[in-house]
Amino acid sequence: MSLYQNELLVKVAREICRWHHERYDGRGYPDGLKGEEIPISAQVVSLADVYDALVSDRVYKKAYSHEKAI
C-alpha cells in the first residue's frame, strides 16, 4: 500500500497511465472502457498523445502539419 495513494495527483496520474489507450467506442485497452467510463484526465492525455504522434516524424511516416493533424 502506497503512502500517497489517496492523494489527488497520484489518483489522476494513475488514471492517465492506465487508461489513456482506451477508446471512446470501447475498443481500447487495457480494460475496454467506453464513453464516460474513461476518466476525463485519460481522455485529454489521449488526445495530446495522438496529436503528438501525428505531428512527429516516425520511421514509417513523415510528420503531418498542424493543420492536417487537427
Protein backbone atom coordinates (compact mmCIF):
# COMPACT_ATOMS: atom_id res chain seq x y z
CA MET A 1 0.00 0.00 0.00
CA SER A 2 1.41 3.34 -1.05
CA LEU A 3 1.61 6.11 1.50
CA TYR A 4 0.34 8.61 -1.10
CA GLN A 5 -2.22 6.51 -2.96
CA ASN A 6 -5.11 8.70 -1.79
CA GLU A 7 -3.52 11.95 -2.97
CA LEU A 8 -5.44 13.55 -5.86
CA LEU A 9 -2.33 13.94 -8.02
CA VAL A 10 -1.49 10.25 -7.61
CA LYS A 11 -5.07 9.22 -8.43
CA VAL A 12 -5.10 11.34 -11.61
CA ALA A 13 -1.65 10.10 -12.65
CA ARG A 14 -2.84 6.51 -12.25
CA GLU A 15 -5.94 7.20 -14.37
CA ILE A 16 -3.78 8.66 -17.12
CA CYS A 17 -1.22 5.85 -17.05
CA ARG A 18 -3.79 3.08 -17.02
CA TRP A 19 -6.50 4.35 -19.34
CA HIS A 20 -5.04 6.76 -21.91
CA HIS A 21 -5.20 3.99 -24.55
CA GLU A 22 -8.90 3.36 -24.04
CA ARG A 23 -11.17 4.38 -26.94
CA TYR A 24 -14.49 6.14 -26.71
CA ASP A 25 -16.14 3.30 -28.66
CA GLY A 26 -14.84 0.69 -26.17
CA ARG A 27 -12.23 -0.88 -28.47
CA GLY A 28 -9.23 0.36 -26.49
CA TYR A 29 -7.14 -1.26 -23.82
CA PRO A 30 -6.40 -2.42 -21.15
CA ASP A 31 -9.98 -2.59 -19.83
CA GLY A 32 -12.22 -1.84 -22.81
CA LEU A 33 -13.78 1.17 -21.14
CA LYS A 34 -16.04 3.29 -23.32
CA GLY A 35 -17.57 6.71 -23.31
CA GLU A 36 -17.85 8.38 -19.96
CA GLU A 37 -16.33 5.34 -18.23
CA ILE A 38 -12.95 6.74 -19.32
CA PRO A 39 -11.75 9.38 -16.86
CA ILE A 40 -11.53 12.84 -18.40
CA SER A 41 -7.84 13.03 -17.45
CA ALA A 42 -7.11 9.99 -19.62
CA GLN A 43 -9.26 11.34 -22.46
CA VAL A 44 -7.32 14.62 -22.54
CA VAL A 45 -3.92 12.92 -22.46
CA SER A 46 -5.06 10.52 -25.18
CA LEU A 47 -5.83 13.47 -27.46
CA ALA A 48 -2.44 15.02 -26.76
CA ASP A 49 -0.73 11.66 -27.37
CA VAL A 50 -2.43 11.20 -30.75
CA TYR A 51 -1.66 14.78 -31.78
CA ASP A 52 2.00 14.29 -30.86
CA ALA A 53 2.14 11.06 -32.88
CA LEU A 54 0.63 12.78 -35.91
CA VAL A 55 2.94 15.81 -35.93
CA SER A 56 6.12 13.82 -35.23
CA ASP A 57 8.27 12.04 -37.78
CA ARG A 58 8.26 8.27 -37.40
CA VAL A 59 10.33 5.65 -39.18
CA TYR A 60 7.19 4.65 -41.08
CA LYS A 61 5.75 8.12 -41.83
CA LYS A 62 6.52 11.80 -42.16
CA ALA A 63 5.06 14.26 -39.69
CA TYR A 64 1.72 15.83 -40.54
CA SER A 65 1.37 19.59 -40.44
CA HIS A 66 -0.54 21.06 -37.52
CA GLU A 67 -3.43 21.85 -39.88
CA LYS A 68 -3.64 18.29 -41.19
CA ALA A 69 -3.36 16.81 -37.69
CA ILE A 70 -6.22 18.96 -36.45
